[in-house]
């Protein structure tokens, strides 16, 4: 069975599980459809960079951050390393309850991933 929905002008066709299909396959399909919708919303420059450097598309959960720091970033709408790298120190400090220690830990975690500040 195919279900068609439209969100923010993006048409999405998702396959609903047929009787007997594994639930994991169904959720994998949903995740893939969500990823495709997200990619369509990305600006061309971001799409190009993420294709050239796949690490930029990684979730911030791949960083060794304290739970509180991770939660503050998510609340601020920062989901991927690309999103995080678009912010400078002063922008990060403006995030509610992040603070200097949290920002320093973010920069250290990014350095562990191979990024460095210039």
N, C-alpha and C. Protein backbone atom coordinates (compact mmCIF):
# COMPACT_ATOMS: atom_id res chain seq x y z
N UNK A 1 0.84 -1.16 0.00
CA UNK A 1 0.00 0.00 0.00
C UNK A 1 0.90 1.24 0.00
N UNK A 2 0.57 2.25 -0.79
CA UNK A 2 1.36 3.46 -0.88
C UNK A 2 0.54 4.62 -0.35
N UNK A 3 1.16 5.42 0.49
CA UNK A 3 0.51 6.60 1.06
C UNK A 3 1.25 7.82 0.57
N UNK A 4 0.53 8.82 0.10
CA UNK A 4 1.16 10.04 -0.38
C UNK A 4 0.78 11.19 0.55
N UNK A 5 1.79 11.93 1.02
CA UNK A 5 1.55 13.08 1.89
C UNK A 5 2.33 14.26 1.34
N UNK A 6 1.96 15.45 1.80
CA UNK A 6 2.68 16.65 1.40
C UNK A 6 2.94 17.50 2.63
N UNK A 7 4.23 17.84 2.86
CA UNK A 7 4.62 18.66 3.99
C UNK A 7 5.52 19.76 3.46
N UNK A 8 5.18 21.01 3.74
CA UNK A 8 5.98 22.16 3.30
C UNK A 8 6.24 22.12 1.80
N UNK A 9 5.26 21.71 1.04
CA UNK A 9 5.40 21.69 -0.41
C UNK A 9 6.19 20.52 -0.96
N UNK A 10 6.60 19.57 -0.11
CA UNK A 10 7.36 18.42 -0.56
C UNK A 10 6.44 17.20 -0.55
N UNK A 11 6.29 16.60 -1.70
CA UNK A 11 5.45 15.41 -1.79
C UNK A 11 6.25 14.20 -1.35
N UNK A 12 5.65 13.39 -0.58
CA UNK A 12 6.33 12.22 -0.02
C UNK A 12 5.45 11.00 -0.24
N UNK A 13 6.01 10.02 -0.93
CA UNK A 13 5.31 8.75 -1.11
C UNK A 13 5.99 7.73 -0.23
N UNK A 14 5.26 7.17 0.67
CA UNK A 14 5.85 6.16 1.54
C UNK A 14 5.08 4.86 1.42
N UNK A 15 5.80 3.80 1.48
CA UNK A 15 5.18 2.48 1.41
C UNK A 15 4.82 2.05 2.82
N UNK A 16 3.59 1.68 2.98
CA UNK A 16 3.16 1.13 4.26
C UNK A 16 3.41 -0.37 4.21
N UNK A 17 3.64 -0.97 5.35
CA UNK A 17 3.98 -2.39 5.34
C UNK A 17 2.80 -3.25 4.87
N UNK A 18 3.12 -4.17 4.01
CA UNK A 18 2.14 -5.15 3.60
C UNK A 18 2.09 -6.20 4.71
N UNK A 19 1.00 -6.89 4.86
CA UNK A 19 0.96 -7.93 5.88
C UNK A 19 2.11 -8.90 5.69
N UNK A 20 2.84 -9.17 6.76
CA UNK A 20 3.94 -10.10 6.70
C UNK A 20 5.30 -9.44 6.58
N UNK A 21 5.36 -8.13 6.25
CA UNK A 21 6.66 -7.45 6.18
C UNK A 21 7.16 -7.19 7.59
N UNK A 22 8.46 -7.26 7.74
CA UNK A 22 9.06 -7.02 9.06
C UNK A 22 8.89 -5.56 9.45
N UNK A 23 8.65 -5.31 10.72
CA UNK A 23 8.49 -3.96 11.23
C UNK A 23 9.75 -3.13 11.01
N UNK A 24 10.93 -3.76 11.12
CA UNK A 24 12.18 -3.05 10.90
C UNK A 24 12.25 -2.48 9.49
N UNK A 25 11.77 -3.24 8.50
CA UNK A 25 11.75 -2.75 7.13
C UNK A 25 10.86 -1.53 7.00
N UNK A 26 9.74 -1.55 7.69
CA UNK A 26 8.81 -0.43 7.66
C UNK A 26 9.47 0.82 8.23
N UNK A 27 10.12 0.70 9.39
CA UNK A 27 10.75 1.86 9.99
C UNK A 27 11.97 2.32 9.19
N UNK A 28 12.67 1.41 8.55
CA UNK A 28 13.79 1.79 7.68
C UNK A 28 13.26 2.62 6.50
N UNK A 29 12.12 2.24 5.99
CA UNK A 29 11.48 2.97 4.89
C UNK A 29 11.09 4.38 5.34
N UNK A 30 10.53 4.50 6.53
CA UNK A 30 10.15 5.80 7.06
C UNK A 30 11.38 6.69 7.24
N UNK A 31 12.47 6.12 7.80
CA UNK A 31 13.70 6.90 7.99
C UNK A 31 14.26 7.37 6.66
N UNK A 32 14.23 6.50 5.66
CA UNK A 32 14.76 6.86 4.34
C UNK A 32 13.92 7.97 3.72
N UNK A 33 12.60 7.90 3.85
CA UNK A 33 11.73 8.95 3.32
C UNK A 33 11.98 10.27 4.03
N UNK A 34 12.19 10.24 5.33
CA UNK A 34 12.48 11.46 6.08
C UNK A 34 13.82 12.04 5.65
N UNK A 35 14.82 11.18 5.42
CA UNK A 35 16.12 11.65 4.98
C UNK A 35 16.01 12.33 3.61
N UNK A 36 15.25 11.71 2.71
CA UNK A 36 15.08 12.30 1.37
C UNK A 36 14.39 13.66 1.46
N UNK A 37 13.39 13.77 2.29
CA UNK A 37 12.70 15.06 2.46
C UNK A 37 13.66 16.11 3.01
N UNK A 38 14.51 15.72 3.95
CA UNK A 38 15.48 16.64 4.55
C UNK A 38 16.48 17.11 3.50
N UNK A 39 16.95 16.19 2.65
CA UNK A 39 17.92 16.54 1.61
C UNK A 39 17.31 17.53 0.63
N UNK A 40 16.04 17.36 0.30
CA UNK A 40 15.39 18.28 -0.63
C UNK A 40 15.32 19.70 -0.08
N UNK A 41 15.26 19.85 1.24
CA UNK A 41 15.17 21.17 1.85
C UNK A 41 16.52 21.86 1.97
N UNK A 42 17.62 21.11 1.79
CA UNK A 42 18.95 21.68 1.97
C UNK A 42 19.29 22.64 0.84
N UNK A 43 19.98 23.73 1.17
CA UNK A 43 20.49 24.61 0.11
C UNK A 43 21.50 23.84 -0.74
N UNK A 44 21.65 24.24 -1.98
CA UNK A 44 22.54 23.55 -2.92
C UNK A 44 23.96 23.47 -2.40
N UNK A 45 24.48 24.55 -1.83
CA UNK A 45 25.85 24.55 -1.31
C UNK A 45 26.03 23.51 -0.22
N UNK A 46 25.05 23.41 0.69
CA UNK A 46 25.12 22.41 1.76
C UNK A 46 25.08 21.01 1.18
N UNK A 47 24.23 20.78 0.21
CA UNK A 47 24.13 19.46 -0.43
C UNK A 47 25.46 19.08 -1.08
N UNK A 48 26.09 20.04 -1.76
CA UNK A 48 27.35 19.78 -2.44
C UNK A 48 28.45 19.44 -1.44
N UNK A 49 28.53 20.23 -0.36
CA UNK A 49 29.55 19.98 0.65
C UNK A 49 29.36 18.63 1.33
N UNK A 50 28.11 18.29 1.63
CA UNK A 50 27.85 17.03 2.30
C UNK A 50 28.12 15.84 1.38
N UNK A 51 27.96 16.03 0.08
CA UNK A 51 28.29 14.96 -0.86
C UNK A 51 29.81 14.79 -0.94
N UNK A 52 30.53 15.91 -0.90
CA UNK A 52 31.98 15.87 -0.99
C UNK A 52 32.63 15.39 0.31
N UNK A 53 32.04 15.80 1.44
CA UNK A 53 32.57 15.45 2.76
C UNK A 53 31.45 14.82 3.59
N UNK A 54 31.22 13.52 3.44
CA UNK A 54 30.09 12.86 4.12
C UNK A 54 30.10 13.03 5.65
N UNK A 55 31.26 13.26 6.25
CA UNK A 55 31.31 13.43 7.71
C UNK A 55 30.45 14.60 8.16
N UNK A 56 30.24 15.59 7.29
CA UNK A 56 29.43 16.75 7.66
C UNK A 56 27.97 16.38 7.92
N UNK A 57 27.53 15.29 7.33
CA UNK A 57 26.16 14.84 7.53
C UNK A 57 25.95 14.01 8.78
N UNK A 58 27.04 13.70 9.48
CA UNK A 58 26.92 12.90 10.70
C UNK A 58 26.16 13.68 11.77
N UNK A 59 25.45 12.94 12.57
CA UNK A 59 24.72 13.53 13.69
C UNK A 59 25.71 14.02 14.75
N UNK A 60 25.28 15.04 15.50
CA UNK A 60 26.12 15.52 16.60
C UNK A 60 26.25 14.45 17.69
N UNK A 61 25.42 13.42 17.62
CA UNK A 61 25.54 12.33 18.59
C UNK A 61 26.84 11.56 18.40
N UNK A 62 27.49 11.74 17.25
CA UNK A 62 28.77 11.07 17.02
C UNK A 62 29.92 11.75 17.78
N UNK A 63 29.64 12.92 18.35
CA UNK A 63 30.64 13.62 19.17
C UNK A 63 30.58 13.13 20.61
N UNK A 64 31.71 13.13 21.27
CA UNK A 64 31.75 12.73 22.69
C UNK A 64 31.38 13.94 23.54
N UNK A 65 30.07 14.17 23.66
CA UNK A 65 29.57 15.32 24.43
C UNK A 65 28.77 14.85 25.62
N UNK A 66 28.77 15.67 26.66
CA UNK A 66 27.89 15.38 27.80
C UNK A 66 26.44 15.49 27.34
N UNK A 67 25.58 14.77 28.00
CA UNK A 67 24.17 14.76 27.63
C UNK A 67 23.57 16.15 27.65
N UNK A 68 23.90 16.95 28.65
CA UNK A 68 23.33 18.30 28.75
C UNK A 68 23.76 19.15 27.55
N UNK A 69 25.02 19.06 27.16
CA UNK A 69 25.52 19.83 26.02
C UNK A 69 24.82 19.37 24.74
N UNK A 70 24.73 18.06 24.56
CA UNK A 70 24.04 17.50 23.40
C UNK A 70 22.59 17.99 23.34
N UNK A 71 21.90 17.96 24.48
CA UNK A 71 20.50 18.40 24.52
C UNK A 71 20.36 19.87 24.18
N UNK A 72 21.27 20.73 24.67
CA UNK A 72 21.21 22.16 24.36
C UNK A 72 21.37 22.39 22.86
N UNK A 73 22.29 21.65 22.24
CA UNK A 73 22.49 21.80 20.80
C UNK A 73 21.24 21.37 20.03
N UNK A 74 20.66 20.26 20.42
CA UNK A 74 19.44 19.80 19.75
C UNK A 74 18.30 20.80 19.92
N UNK A 75 18.17 21.35 21.12
CA UNK A 75 17.12 22.35 21.36
C UNK A 75 17.31 23.58 20.49
N UNK A 76 18.57 23.87 20.14
CA UNK A 76 18.88 25.02 19.29
C UNK A 76 18.75 24.67 17.80
N UNK A 77 18.33 23.44 17.49
CA UNK A 77 18.13 23.03 16.11
C UNK A 77 19.39 22.57 15.41
N UNK A 78 20.44 22.28 16.17
CA UNK A 78 21.69 21.80 15.60
C UNK A 78 21.66 20.28 15.64
N UNK A 79 21.57 19.67 14.45
CA UNK A 79 21.43 18.22 14.36
C UNK A 79 22.67 17.53 13.79
N UNK A 80 23.36 18.19 12.85
CA UNK A 80 24.49 17.56 12.18
C UNK A 80 25.78 18.34 12.44
N UNK A 81 26.90 17.72 12.09
CA UNK A 81 28.18 18.41 12.22
C UNK A 81 28.20 19.64 11.32
N UNK A 82 27.56 19.56 10.16
CA UNK A 82 27.48 20.73 9.28
C UNK A 82 26.80 21.89 10.00
N UNK A 83 25.66 21.61 10.64
CA UNK A 83 24.94 22.66 11.39
C UNK A 83 25.84 23.27 12.46
N UNK A 84 26.56 22.42 13.17
CA UNK A 84 27.41 22.87 14.26
C UNK A 84 28.57 23.72 13.75
N UNK A 85 29.16 23.31 12.64
CA UNK A 85 30.31 24.03 12.11
C UNK A 85 29.92 25.39 11.52
N UNK A 86 28.64 25.63 11.33
CA UNK A 86 28.19 26.94 10.84
C UNK A 86 28.16 27.98 11.96
N UNK A 87 28.30 27.53 13.19
CA UNK A 87 28.22 28.44 14.36
C UNK A 87 29.62 28.80 14.84
N UNK A 88 29.81 30.06 15.22
CA UNK A 88 31.07 30.47 15.84
C UNK A 88 30.90 30.48 17.36
N UNK A 89 31.97 30.76 18.06
CA UNK A 89 31.96 30.73 19.52
C UNK A 89 30.86 31.62 20.11
N UNK A 90 30.75 32.84 19.62
CA UNK A 90 29.75 33.76 20.20
C UNK A 90 28.33 33.28 19.94
N UNK A 91 28.08 32.67 18.77
CA UNK A 91 26.75 32.13 18.49
C UNK A 91 26.43 30.95 19.41
N UNK A 92 27.43 30.11 19.65
CA UNK A 92 27.21 28.97 20.55
C UNK A 92 26.97 29.45 21.98
N UNK A 93 27.68 30.48 22.39
CA UNK A 93 27.50 31.00 23.76
C UNK A 93 26.10 31.59 23.98
N UNK A 94 25.43 31.98 22.91
CA UNK A 94 24.07 32.53 23.03
C UNK A 94 23.02 31.44 23.24
N UNK A 95 23.41 30.18 23.06
CA UNK A 95 22.47 29.08 23.28
C UNK A 95 22.22 28.96 24.78
N UNK A 96 20.98 28.95 25.15
CA UNK A 96 20.57 28.92 26.55
C UNK A 96 21.22 27.75 27.30
N UNK A 97 21.83 28.06 28.43
CA UNK A 97 22.44 27.09 29.34
C UNK A 97 23.61 26.29 28.75
N UNK A 98 24.22 26.79 27.68
CA UNK A 98 25.36 26.07 27.13
C UNK A 98 26.64 26.49 27.85
N UNK A 99 26.94 27.75 27.89
CA UNK A 99 28.06 28.26 28.66
C UNK A 99 29.43 27.95 28.08
N UNK A 100 30.44 28.56 28.70
CA UNK A 100 31.82 28.47 28.24
C UNK A 100 32.35 27.03 28.29
N UNK A 101 32.04 26.31 29.36
CA UNK A 101 32.53 24.93 29.48
C UNK A 101 31.93 24.06 28.39
N UNK A 102 30.65 24.22 28.11
CA UNK A 102 30.00 23.45 27.06
C UNK A 102 30.59 23.75 25.69
N UNK A 103 30.84 25.03 25.41
CA UNK A 103 31.42 25.43 24.12
C UNK A 103 32.83 24.86 23.97
N UNK A 104 33.61 24.93 25.05
CA UNK A 104 34.96 24.38 25.02
C UNK A 104 34.92 22.88 24.76
N UNK A 105 33.99 22.17 25.40
CA UNK A 105 33.89 20.72 25.18
C UNK A 105 33.47 20.41 23.75
N UNK A 106 32.66 21.27 23.13
CA UNK A 106 32.27 21.08 21.74
C UNK A 106 33.49 21.19 20.84
N UNK A 107 34.30 22.24 21.06
CA UNK A 107 35.49 22.42 20.24
C UNK A 107 36.48 21.28 20.42
N UNK A 108 36.61 20.78 21.63
CA UNK A 108 37.51 19.64 21.87
C UNK A 108 36.99 18.38 21.15
N UNK A 109 35.68 18.17 21.20
CA UNK A 109 35.09 17.01 20.53
C UNK A 109 35.26 17.12 19.01
N UNK A 110 35.14 18.33 18.48
CA UNK A 110 35.35 18.53 17.04
C UNK A 110 36.81 18.27 16.66
N UNK A 111 37.73 18.68 17.52
CA UNK A 111 39.14 18.42 17.27
C UNK A 111 39.41 16.93 17.24
N UNK A 112 38.77 16.16 18.13
CA UNK A 112 38.92 14.71 18.12
C UNK A 112 38.44 14.08 16.84
N UNK A 113 37.46 14.73 16.17
CA UNK A 113 36.93 14.26 14.89
C UNK A 113 37.83 14.68 13.72
N UNK A 114 38.83 15.52 14.00
CA UNK A 114 39.74 15.94 12.94
C UNK A 114 39.54 17.36 12.47
N UNK A 115 38.60 18.07 13.06
CA UNK A 115 38.38 19.47 12.70
C UNK A 115 39.28 20.33 13.58
N UNK A 116 39.70 21.48 13.05
CA UNK A 116 40.48 22.40 13.87
C UNK A 116 40.01 23.82 13.62
N UNK A 117 40.15 24.63 14.64
CA UNK A 117 39.75 26.04 14.52
C UNK A 117 40.85 26.81 13.81
N UNK A 118 40.42 27.78 13.01
CA UNK A 118 41.40 28.65 12.34
C UNK A 118 41.15 30.09 12.74
